[in-house]
Amino acid sequence: KEALAAPAPAPAPASATEALAGLLRQLGVQAPAAAPVPVPLQWIRAA
């Protein structure tokens, strides 16, 4: 119920970072990969 009641995330508008990445692609420059966002722990195994 809590998950279903939460609003769905809106699509993010194009940011300055995305615009810069597009410019780098046009110039043939490889943009640095974004660091992956760690997913919070969901389950615990207990003996």
All heavy atoms as atom14 arrays in JSON, in Angstrom:
{
  "sequence": "KEALAAPAPAPAPASATEALAGLLRQLGVQAPAAAPVPVPLQWIRAA",
  "atom14_mask": [
    [1, 1, 1, 1, 1, 1, 1, 1, 1, 0, 0, 0, 0, 0],
    [1, 1, 1, 1, 1, 1, 1, 1, 1, 0, 0, 0, 0, 0],
    [1, 1, 1, 1, 1, 0, 0, 0, 0, 0, 0, 0, 0, 0],
    [1, 1, 1, 1, 1, 1, 1, 1, 0, 0, 0, 0, 0, 0],
    [1, 1, 1, 1, 1, 0, 0, 0, 0, 0, 0, 0, 0, 0],
    [1, 1, 1, 1, 1, 0, 0, 0, 0, 0, 0, 0, 0, 0],
    [1, 1, 1, 1, 1, 1, 1, 0, 0, 0, 0, 0, 0, 0],
    [1, 1, 1, 1, 1, 0, 0, 0, 0, 0, 0, 0, 0, 0],
    [1, 1, 1, 1, 1, 1, 1, 0, 0, 0, 0, 0, 0, 0],
    [1, 1, 1, 1, 1, 0, 0, 0, 0, 0, 0, 0, 0, 0],
    [1, 1, 1, 1, 1, 1, 1, 0, 0, 0, 0, 0, 0, 0],
    [1, 1, 1, 1, 1, 0, 0, 0, 0, 0, 0, 0, 0, 0],
    [1, 1, 1, 1, 1, 1, 1, 0, 0, 0, 0, 0, 0, 0],
    [1, 1, 1, 1, 1, 0, 0, 0, 0, 0, 0, 0, 0, 0],
    [1, 1, 1, 1, 1, 1, 0, 0, 0, 0, 0, 0, 0, 0],
    [1, 1, 1, 1, 1, 0, 0, 0, 0, 0, 0, 0, 0, 0],
    [1, 1, 1, 1, 1, 1, 1, 0, 0, 0, 0, 0, 0, 0],
    [1, 1, 1, 1, 1, 1, 1, 1, 1, 0, 0, 0, 0, 0],
    [1, 1, 1, 1, 1, 0, 0, 0, 0, 0, 0, 0, 0, 0],
    [1, 1, 1, 1, 1, 1, 1, 1, 0, 0, 0, 0, 0, 0],
    [1, 1, 1, 1, 1, 0, 0, 0, 0, 0, 0, 0, 0, 0],
    [1, 1, 1, 1, 0, 0, 0, 0, 0, 0, 0, 0, 0, 0],
    [1, 1, 1, 1, 1, 1, 1, 1, 0, 0, 0, 0, 0, 0],
    [1, 1, 1, 1, 1, 1, 1, 1, 0, 0, 0, 0, 0, 0],
    [1, 1, 1, 1, 1, 1, 1, 1, 1, 1, 1, 0, 0, 0],
    [1, 1, 1, 1, 1, 1, 1, 1, 1, 0, 0, 0, 0, 0],
    [1, 1, 1, 1, 1, 1, 1, 1, 0, 0, 0, 0, 0, 0],
    [1, 1, 1, 1, 0, 0, 0, 0, 0, 0, 0, 0, 0, 0],
    [1, 1, 1, 1, 1, 1, 1, 0, 0, 0, 0, 0, 0, 0],
    [1, 1, 1, 1, 1, 1, 1, 1, 1, 0, 0, 0, 0, 0],
    [1, 1, 1, 1, 1, 0, 0, 0, 0, 0, 0, 0, 0, 0],
    [1, 1, 1, 1, 1, 1, 1, 0, 0, 0, 0, 0, 0, 0],
    [1, 1, 1, 1, 1, 0, 0, 0, 0, 0, 0, 0, 0, 0],
    [1, 1, 1, 1, 1, 0, 0, 0, 0, 0, 0, 0, 0, 0],
    [1, 1, 1, 1, 1, 0, 0, 0, 0, 0, 0, 0, 0, 0],
    [1, 1, 1, 1, 1, 1, 1, 0, 0, 0, 0, 0, 0, 0],
    [1, 1, 1, 1, 1, 1, 1, 0, 0, 0, 0, 0, 0, 0],
    [1, 1, 1, 1, 1, 1, 1, 0, 0, 0, 0, 0, 0, 0],
    [1, 1, 1, 1, 1, 1, 1, 0, 0, 0, 0, 0, 0, 0],
    [1, 1, 1, 1, 1, 1, 1, 0, 0, 0, 0, 0, 0, 0],
    [1, 1, 1, 1, 1, 1, 1, 1, 0, 0, 0, 0, 0, 0],
    [1, 1, 1, 1, 1, 1, 1, 1, 1, 0, 0, 0, 0, 0],
    [1, 1, 1, 1, 1, 1, 1, 1, 1, 1, 1, 1, 1, 1],
    [1, 1, 1, 1, 1, 1, 1, 1, 0, 0, 0, 0, 0, 0],
    [1, 1, 1, 1, 1, 1, 1, 1, 1, 1, 1, 0, 0, 0],
    [1, 1, 1, 1, 1, 0, 0, 0, 0, 0, 0, 0, 0, 0],
    [1, 1, 1, 1, 1, 0, 0, 0, 0, 0, 0, 0, 0, 0]
  ],
  "atom14_positions": [
    [[0.83, -1.2, 0.0], [0.0, 0.0, 0.0], [0.87, 1.26, 0.0], [0.59, 2.22, -0.71], [-0.92, 0.0, 1.22], [-2.08, -0.98, 1.15], [-2.94, -0.87, 2.41], [-4.14, -1.78, 2.34], [-4.97, -1.69, 3.57], [0.0, 0.0, 0.0], [0.0, 0.0, 0.0], [0.0, 0.0, 0.0], [0.0, 0.0, 0.0], [0.0, 0.0, 0.0]],
    [[1.91, 1.23, 0.81], [2.8, 2.39, 0.89], [3.49, 2.62, -0.45], [3.61, 3.75, -0.92], [3.83, 2.15, 1.98], [4.75, 3.32, 2.25], [5.7, 3.07, 3.4], [5.46, 2.11, 4.16], [6.68, 3.82, 3.54], [0.0, 0.0, 0.0], [0.0, 0.0, 0.0], [0.0, 0.0, 0.0], [0.0, 0.0, 0.0], [0.0, 0.0, 0.0]],
    [[3.94, 1.53, -1.08], [4.64, 1.65, -2.37], [3.69, 2.13, -3.46], [4.06, 2.96, -4.3], [5.25, 0.31, -2.75], [0.0, 0.0, 0.0], [0.0, 0.0, 0.0], [0.0, 0.0, 0.0], [0.0, 0.0, 0.0], [0.0, 0.0, 0.0], [0.0, 0.0, 0.0], [0.0, 0.0, 0.0], [0.0, 0.0, 0.0], [0.0, 0.0, 0.0]],
    [[2.47, 1.61, -3.46], [1.51, 1.99, -4.5], [1.02, 3.42, -4.33], [0.65, 4.07, -5.31], [0.32, 1.03, -4.48], [0.62, -0.42, -4.88], [-0.59, -1.32, -4.62], [1.03, -0.5, -6.35], [0.0, 0.0, 0.0], [0.0, 0.0, 0.0], [0.0, 0.0, 0.0], [0.0, 0.0, 0.0], [0.0, 0.0, 0.0], [0.0, 0.0, 0.0]],
    [[1.02, 3.91, -3.09], [0.55, 5.28, -2.84], [1.6, 6.32, -3.2], [1.28, 7.49, -3.4], [0.15, 5.44, -1.37], [0.0, 0.0, 0.0], [0.0, 0.0, 0.0], [0.0, 0.0, 0.0], [0.0, 0.0, 0.0], [0.0, 0.0, 0.0], [0.0, 0.0, 0.0], [0.0, 0.0, 0.0], [0.0, 0.0, 0.0], [0.0, 0.0, 0.0]],
    [[2.86, 5.89, -3.28], [3.93, 6.84, -3.6], [3.8, 7.31, -5.04], [3.53, 6.51, -5.94], [5.3, 6.19, -3.38], [0.0, 0.0, 0.0], [0.0, 0.0, 0.0], [0.0, 0.0, 0.0], [0.0, 0.0, 0.0], [0.0, 0.0, 0.0], [0.0, 0.0, 0.0], [0.0, 0.0, 0.0], [0.0, 0.0, 0.0], [0.0, 0.0, 0.0]],
    [[3.94, 8.61, -5.29], [3.82, 9.11, -6.67], [4.93, 8.56, -7.54], [6.07, 8.4, -7.09], [3.94, 10.63, -6.5], [4.66, 10.82, -5.2], [4.26, 9.66, -4.33], [0.0, 0.0, 0.0], [0.0, 0.0, 0.0], [0.0, 0.0, 0.0], [0.0, 0.0, 0.0], [0.0, 0.0, 0.0], [0.0, 0.0, 0.0], [0.0, 0.0, 0.0]],
    [[4.59, 8.27, -8.77], [5.6, 7.79, -9.72], [6.56, 8.92, -10.04], [6.15, 10.08, -10.19], [4.93, 7.31, -11.0], [0.0, 0.0, 0.0], [0.0, 0.0, 0.0], [0.0, 0.0, 0.0], [0.0, 0.0, 0.0], [0.0, 0.0, 0.0], [0.0, 0.0, 0.0], [0.0, 0.0, 0.0], [0.0, 0.0, 0.0], [0.0, 0.0, 0.0]],
    [[7.85, 8.64, -10.1], [8.82, 9.71, -10.4], [8.6, 10.28, -11.79], [8.38, 9.54, -12.75], [10.17, 8.99, -10.3], [9.86, 7.54, -10.51], [8.48, 7.33, -9.96], [0.0, 0.0, 0.0], [0.0, 0.0, 0.0], [0.0, 0.0, 0.0], [0.0, 0.0, 0.0], [0.0, 0.0, 0.0], [0.0, 0.0, 0.0], [0.0, 0.0, 0.0]],
    [[8.62, 11.6, -11.88], [8.43, 12.26, -13.17], [9.7, 12.15, -14.0], [10.8, 12.11, -13.44], [8.08, 13.74, -12.95], [0.0, 0.0, 0.0], [0.0, 0.0, 0.0], [0.0, 0.0, 0.0], [0.0, 0.0, 0.0], [0.0, 0.0, 0.0], [0.0, 0.0, 0.0], [0.0, 0.0, 0.0], [0.0, 0.0, 0.0], [0.0, 0.0, 0.0]],
    [[9.58, 12.11, -15.31], [10.78, 12.06, -16.14], [11.64, 13.29, -15.9], [11.14, 14.42, -15.85], [10.22, 12.06, -17.58], [8.79, 11.67, -17.45], [8.34, 12.13, -16.1], [0.0, 0.0, 0.0], [0.0, 0.0, 0.0], [0.0, 0.0, 0.0], [0.0, 0.0, 0.0], [0.0, 0.0, 0.0], [0.0, 0.0, 0.0], [0.0, 0.0, 0.0]],
    [[12.92, 13.08, -15.72], [13.82, 14.19, -15.43], [14.06, 15.02, -16.68], [14.28, 14.48, -17.76], [15.15, 13.65, -14.89], [0.0, 0.0, 0.0], [0.0, 0.0, 0.0], [0.0, 0.0, 0.0], [0.0, 0.0, 0.0], [0.0, 0.0, 0.0], [0.0, 0.0, 0.0], [0.0, 0.0, 0.0], [0.0, 0.0, 0.0], [0.0, 0.0, 0.0]],
    [[13.99, 16.33, -16.56], [14.28, 17.18, -17.73], [15.75, 17.08, -18.1], [16.59, 16.72, -17.28], [13.92, 18.59, -17.23], [14.08, 18.51, -15.74], [13.7, 17.12, -15.35], [0.0, 0.0, 0.0], [0.0, 0.0, 0.0], [0.0, 0.0, 0.0], [0.0, 0.0, 0.0], [0.0, 0.0, 0.0], [0.0, 0.0, 0.0], [0.0, 0.0, 0.0]],
    [[16.07, 17.43, -19.34], [17.46, 17.43, -19.77], [18.24, 18.41, -18.91], [17.85, 19.56, -18.74], [17.55, 17.81, -21.24], [0.0, 0.0, 0.0], [0.0, 0.0, 0.0], [0.0, 0.0, 0.0], [0.0, 0.0, 0.0], [0.0, 0.0, 0.0], [0.0, 0.0, 0.0], [0.0, 0.0, 0.0], [0.0, 0.0, 0.0], [0.0, 0.0, 0.0]],
    [[19.34, 17.96, -18.35], [20.12, 18.8, -17.44], [21.35, 19.35, -18.16], [21.68, 18.95, -19.27], [20.57, 17.97, -16.23], [21.44, 16.94, -16.66], [0.0, 0.0, 0.0], [0.0, 0.0, 0.0], [0.0, 0.0, 0.0], [0.0, 0.0, 0.0], [0.0, 0.0, 0.0], [0.0, 0.0, 0.0], [0.0, 0.0, 0.0], [0.0, 0.0, 0.0]],
    [[22.04, 20.27, -17.48], [23.28, 20.81, -18.03], [24.31, 19.69, -18.21], [25.09, 19.7, -19.16], [23.82, 21.89, -17.09], [0.0, 0.0, 0.0], [0.0, 0.0, 0.0], [0.0, 0.0, 0.0], [0.0, 0.0, 0.0], [0.0, 0.0, 0.0], [0.0, 0.0, 0.0], [0.0, 0.0, 0.0], [0.0, 0.0, 0.0], [0.0, 0.0, 0.0]],
    [[24.29, 18.73, -17.3], [25.22, 17.6, -17.41], [24.96, 16.81, -18.68], [25.88, 16.41, -19.4], [25.09, 16.69, -16.18], [25.34, 17.46, -15.01], [26.07, 15.52, -16.25], [0.0, 0.0, 0.0], [0.0, 0.0, 0.0], [0.0, 0.0, 0.0], [0.0, 0.0, 0.0], [0.0, 0.0, 0.0], [0.0, 0.0, 0.0], [0.0, 0.0, 0.0]],
    [[23.65, 16.55, -18.98], [23.3, 15.81, -20.19], [23.69, 16.59, -21.44], [24.15, 16.02, -22.44], [21.81, 15.49, -20.19], [21.41, 14.48, -19.1], [19.91, 14.39, -18.95], [19.21, 15.34, -19.33], [19.44, 13.37, -18.44], [0.0, 0.0, 0.0], [0.0, 0.0, 0.0], [0.0, 0.0, 0.0], [0.0, 0.0, 0.0], [0.0, 0.0, 0.0]],
    [[23.46, 17.93, -21.39], [23.83, 18.76, -22.54], [25.34, 18.72, -22.78], [25.81, 18.64, -23.92], [23.37, 20.2, -22.3], [0.0, 0.0, 0.0], [0.0, 0.0, 0.0], [0.0, 0.0, 0.0], [0.0, 0.0, 0.0], [0.0, 0.0, 0.0], [0.0, 0.0, 0.0], [0.0, 0.0, 0.0], [0.0, 0.0, 0.0], [0.0, 0.0, 0.0]],
    [[26.12, 18.75, -21.68], [27.56, 18.69, -21.82], [28.0, 17.35, -22.38], [28.89, 17.28, -23.24], [28.22, 18.93, -20.45], [29.75, 18.82, -20.4], [30.38, 19.83, -21.35], [30.24, 19.03, -18.98], [0.0, 0.0, 0.0], [0.0, 0.0, 0.0], [0.0, 0.0, 0.0], [0.0, 0.0, 0.0], [0.0, 0.0, 0.0], [0.0, 0.0, 0.0]],
    [[27.34, 16.26, -21.93], [27.67, 14.93, -22.45], [27.4, 14.86, -23.94], [28.17, 14.26, -24.71], [26.86, 13.87, -21.69], [0.0, 0.0, 0.0], [0.0, 0.0, 0.0], [0.0, 0.0, 0.0], [0.0, 0.0, 0.0], [0.0, 0.0, 0.0], [0.0, 0.0, 0.0], [0.0, 0.0, 0.0], [0.0, 0.0, 0.0], [0.0, 0.0, 0.0]],
    [[26.29, 15.49, -24.4], [25.98, 15.5, -25.83], [27.03, 16.25, -26.62], [27.43, 15.83, -27.72], [0.0, 0.0, 0.0], [0.0, 0.0, 0.0], [0.0, 0.0, 0.0], [0.0, 0.0, 0.0], [0.0, 0.0, 0.0], [0.0, 0.0, 0.0], [0.0, 0.0, 0.0], [0.0, 0.0, 0.0], [0.0, 0.0, 0.0], [0.0, 0.0, 0.0]],
    [[27.49, 17.38, -26.07], [28.52, 18.16, -26.75], [29.82, 17.37, -26.87], [30.49, 17.37, -27.9], [28.75, 19.47, -25.99], [29.86, 20.39, -26.54], [29.55, 20.8, -27.98], [30.01, 21.62, -25.66], [0.0, 0.0, 0.0], [0.0, 0.0, 0.0], [0.0, 0.0, 0.0], [0.0, 0.0, 0.0], [0.0, 0.0, 0.0], [0.0, 0.0, 0.0]],
    [[30.18, 16.66, -25.78], [31.4, 15.85, -25.8], [31.31, 14.76, -26.85], [32.3, 14.45, -27.54], [31.64, 15.24, -24.41], [32.08, 16.2, -23.3], [32.12, 15.49, -21.96], [33.42, 16.82, -23.63], [0.0, 0.0, 0.0], [0.0, 0.0, 0.0], [0.0, 0.0, 0.0], [0.0, 0.0, 0.0], [0.0, 0.0, 0.0], [0.0, 0.0, 0.0]],
    [[30.09, 14.16, -26.99], [29.92, 13.13, -28.01], [30.14, 13.7, -29.41], [30.75, 13.06, -30.28], [28.53, 12.49, -27.89], [28.39, 11.52, -26.73], [27.13, 10.68, -26.87], [25.92, 11.5, -26.85], [25.26, 11.82, -25.73], [25.72, 11.4, -24.55], [24.17, 12.55, -25.78], [0.0, 0.0, 0.0], [0.0, 0.0, 0.0], [0.0, 0.0, 0.0]],
    [[29.62, 14.92, -29.66], [29.8, 15.55, -30.97], [31.27, 15.82, -31.26], [31.72, 15.77, -32.4], [29.01, 16.87, -31.03], [27.51, 16.69, -31.01], [26.79, 18.03, -31.02], [27.27, 18.99, -31.61], [25.64, 18.1, -30.37], [0.0, 0.0, 0.0], [0.0, 0.0, 0.0], [0.0, 0.0, 0.0], [0.0, 0.0, 0.0], [0.0, 0.0, 0.0]],
    [[32.04, 16.1, -30.21], [33.45, 16.39, -30.38], [34.31, 15.13, -30.4], [35.53, 15.19, -30.54], [33.94, 17.31, -29.25], [33.31, 18.71, -29.21], [33.77, 19.46, -27.96], [33.68, 19.5, -30.47], [0.0, 0.0, 0.0], [0.0, 0.0, 0.0], [0.0, 0.0, 0.0], [0.0, 0.0, 0.0], [0.0, 0.0, 0.0], [0.0, 0.0, 0.0]],
    [[33.64, 13.98, -30.21], [34.37, 12.72, -30.22], [35.14, 12.45, -28.94], [36.08, 11.66, -28.92], [0.0, 0.0, 0.0], [0.0, 0.0, 0.0], [0.0, 0.0, 0.0], [0.0, 0.0, 0.0], [0.0, 0.0, 0.0], [0.0, 0.0, 0.0], [0.0, 0.0, 0.0], [0.0, 0.0, 0.0], [0.0, 0.0, 0.0], [0.0, 0.0, 0.0]],
    [[34.71, 13.11, -27.84], [35.38, 12.92, -26.56], [34.54, 11.99, -25.69], [33.32, 12.19, -25.57], [35.58, 14.27, -25.83], [36.25, 14.06, -24.47], [36.4, 15.21, -26.7], [0.0, 0.0, 0.0], [0.0, 0.0, 0.0], [0.0, 0.0, 0.0], [0.0, 0.0, 0.0], [0.0, 0.0, 0.0], [0.0, 0.0, 0.0], [0.0, 0.0, 0.0]],
    [[35.18, 10.98, -25.11], [34.46, 10.04, -24.25], [34.17, 10.67, -22.9], [35.1, 11.07, -22.18], [35.29, 8.76, -24.08], [34.62, 7.69, -23.24], [33.4, 7.11, -23.95], [33.4, 6.91, -25.15], [32.37, 6.83, -23.2], [0.0, 0.0, 0.0], [0.0, 0.0, 0.0], [0.0, 0.0, 0.0], [0.0, 0.0, 0.0], [0.0, 0.0, 0.0]],
    [[32.9, 10.79, -22.56], [32.55, 11.34, -21.25], [32.81, 10.31, -20.16], [32.64, 9.12, -20.39], [31.07, 11.74, -21.24], [0.0, 0.0, 0.0], [0.0, 0.0, 0.0], [0.0, 0.0, 0.0], [0.0, 0.0, 0.0], [0.0, 0.0, 0.0], [0.0, 0.0, 0.0], [0.0, 0.0, 0.0], [0.0, 0.0, 0.0], [0.0, 0.0, 0.0]],
    [[33.23, 10.75, -18.97], [33.47, 9.8, -17.88], [32.16, 9.14, -17.45], [31.11, 9.77, -17.42], [34.05, 10.67, -16.76], [33.58, 12.06, -17.08], [33.51, 12.14, -18.57], [0.0, 0.0, 0.0], [0.0, 0.0, 0.0], [0.0, 0.0, 0.0], [0.0, 0.0, 0.0], [0.0, 0.0, 0.0], [0.0, 0.0, 0.0], [0.0, 0.0, 0.0]],
    [[32.23, 7.85, -17.16], [31.04, 7.11, -16.73], [30.63, 7.56, -15.33], [31.47, 7.81, -14.46], [31.33, 5.61, -16.73], [0.0, 0.0, 0.0], [0.0, 0.0, 0.0], [0.0, 0.0, 0.0], [0.0, 0.0, 0.0], [0.0, 0.0, 0.0], [0.0, 0.0, 0.0], [0.0, 0.0, 0.0], [0.0, 0.0, 0.0], [0.0, 0.0, 0.0]],
    [[29.32, 7.71, -15.15], [28.82, 8.11, -13.83], [28.98, 6.94, -12.86], [28.81, 5.78, -13.22], [27.35, 8.5, -13.94], [0.0, 0.0, 0.0], [0.0, 0.0, 0.0], [0.0, 0.0, 0.0], [0.0, 0.0, 0.0], [0.0, 0.0, 0.0], [0.0, 0.0, 0.0], [0.0, 0.0, 0.0], [0.0, 0.0, 0.0], [0.0, 0.0, 0.0]],
    [[29.31, 7.28, -11.63], [29.44, 6.24, -10.61], [28.07, 5.65, -10.32], [27.08, 6.38, -10.18], [30.03, 6.85, -9.34], [0.0, 0.0, 0.0], [0.0, 0.0, 0.0], [0.0, 0.0, 0.0], [0.0, 0.0, 0.0], [0.0, 0.0, 0.0], [0.0, 0.0, 0.0], [0.0, 0.0, 0.0], [0.0, 0.0, 0.0], [0.0, 0.0, 0.0]],
    [[27.97, 4.32, -10.22], [26.67, 3.7, -9.95], [26.17, 4.08, -8.56], [26.95, 4.18, -7.6], [26.96, 2.2, -10.03], [28.44, 2.08, -9.78], [29.04, 3.33, -10.34], [0.0, 0.0, 0.0], [0.0, 0.0, 0.0], [0.0, 0.0, 0.0], [0.0, 0.0, 0.0], [0.0, 0.0, 0.0], [0.0, 0.0, 0.0], [0.0, 0.0, 0.0]],
    [[24.87, 4.32, -8.45], [24.27, 4.66, -7.16], [24.0, 3.37, -6.4], [23.29, 2.49, -6.89], [22.95, 5.44, -7.36], [22.31, 5.75, -6.01], [23.21, 6.72, -8.14], [0.0, 0.0, 0.0], [0.0, 0.0, 0.0], [0.0, 0.0, 0.0], [0.0, 0.0, 0.0], [0.0, 0.0, 0.0], [0.0, 0.0, 0.0], [0.0, 0.0, 0.0]],
    [[24.58, 3.19, -5.21], [24.36, 1.95, -4.47], [22.9, 1.8, -4.06], [22.25, 2.76, -3.65], [25.28, 2.1, -3.24], [25.49, 3.57, -3.09], [25.45, 4.14, -4.49], [0.0, 0.0, 0.0], [0.0, 0.0, 0.0], [0.0, 0.0, 0.0], [0.0, 0.0, 0.0], [0.0, 0.0, 0.0], [0.0, 0.0, 0.0], [0.0, 0.0, 0.0]],
    [[22.4, 0.58, -4.17], [21.02, 0.29, -3.78], [21.0, -0.06, -2.3], [21.79, -0.89, -1.84], [20.47, -0.89, -4.6], [19.05, -1.24, -4.16], [20.5, -0.56, -6.08], [0.0, 0.0, 0.0], [0.0, 0.0, 0.0], [0.0, 0.0, 0.0], [0.0, 0.0, 0.0], [0.0, 0.0, 0.0], [0.0, 0.0, 0.0], [0.0, 0.0, 0.0]],
    [[20.15, 0.59, -1.49], [20.1, 0.28, -0.06], [19.79, -1.19, 0.18], [19.11, -1.84, -0.6], [18.97, 1.18, 0.47], [18.87, 2.29, -0.52], [19.21, 1.67, -1.84], [0.0, 0.0, 0.0], [0.0, 0.0, 0.0], [0.0, 0.0, 0.0], [0.0, 0.0, 0.0], [0.0, 0.0, 0.0], [0.0, 0.0, 0.0], [0.0, 0.0, 0.0]],
    [[20.3, -1.7, 1.29], [20.07, -3.09, 1.68], [18.58, -3.36, 1.81], [17.84, -2.57, 2.38], [20.78, -3.35, 3.01], [20.82, -4.78, 3.54], [21.67, -5.66, 2.63], [21.38, -4.79, 4.95], [0.0, 0.0, 0.0], [0.0, 0.0, 0.0], [0.0, 0.0, 0.0], [0.0, 0.0, 0.0], [0.0, 0.0, 0.0], [0.0, 0.0, 0.0]],
    [[18.13, -4.49, 1.27], [16.71, -4.85, 1.33], [16.45, -6.07, 2.2], [15.38, -6.19, 2.79], [16.19, -5.15, -0.09], [16.28, -3.98, -1.06], [15.38, -2.84, -0.66], [14.24, -3.04, -0.26], [15.89, -1.62, -0.75], [0.0, 0.0, 0.0], [0.0, 0.0, 0.0], [0.0, 0.0, 0.0], [0.0, 0.0, 0.0], [0.0, 0.0, 0.0]],
    [[17.41, -6.98, 2.29], [17.2, -8.23, 3.01], [18.43, -8.55, 3.85], [19.55, -8.22, 3.5], [16.95, -9.38, 2.03], [15.77, -9.15, 1.14], [15.78, -8.57, -0.1], [14.41, -9.43, 1.43], [14.51, -8.5, -0.6], [13.64, -9.02, 0.32], [13.75, -10.02, 2.51], [12.27, -9.17, 0.26], [12.38, -10.16, 2.45], [11.65, -9.74, 1.34]],
    [[18.2, -9.24, 4.95], [19.27, -9.65, 5.85], [19.15, -11.15, 6.09], [18.04, -11.66, 6.32], [19.17, -8.91, 7.2], [19.38, -7.4, 6.99], [20.17, -9.44, 8.21], [19.03, -6.59, 8.21], [0.0, 0.0, 0.0], [0.0, 0.0, 0.0], [0.0, 0.0, 0.0], [0.0, 0.0, 0.0], [0.0, 0.0, 0.0], [0.0, 0.0, 0.0]],
    [[20.27, -11.84, 6.03], [20.29, -13.27, 6.33], [20.81, -13.46, 7.75], [21.92, -13.05, 8.07], [21.16, -14.03, 5.33], [20.52, -14.14, 3.97], [21.28, -15.12, 3.1], [22.61, -14.65, 2.77], [23.52, -15.38, 2.13], [23.25, -16.63, 1.79], [24.7, -14.86, 1.85], [0.0, 0.0, 0.0], [0.0, 0.0, 0.0], [0.0, 0.0, 0.0]],
    [[20.0, -14.08, 8.6], [20.38, -14.31, 9.99], [20.35, -15.81, 10.28], [19.39, -16.5, 9.93], [19.41, -13.58, 10.93], [0.0, 0.0, 0.0], [0.0, 0.0, 0.0], [0.0, 0.0, 0.0], [0.0, 0.0, 0.0], [0.0, 0.0, 0.0], [0.0, 0.0, 0.0], [0.0, 0.0, 0.0], [0.0, 0.0, 0.0], [0.0, 0.0, 0.0]],
    [[21.41, -16.31, 10.9], [21.47, -17.72, 11.27], [20.47, -18.0, 12.39], [20.35, -17.22, 13.34], [22.88, -18.08, 11.71], [0.0, 0.0, 0.0], [0.0, 0.0, 0.0], [0.0, 0.0, 0.0], [0.0, 0.0, 0.0], [0.0, 0.0, 0.0], [0.0, 0.0, 0.0], [0.0, 0.0, 0.0], [0.0, 0.0, 0.0], [0.0, 0.0, 0.0]]
  ]
}
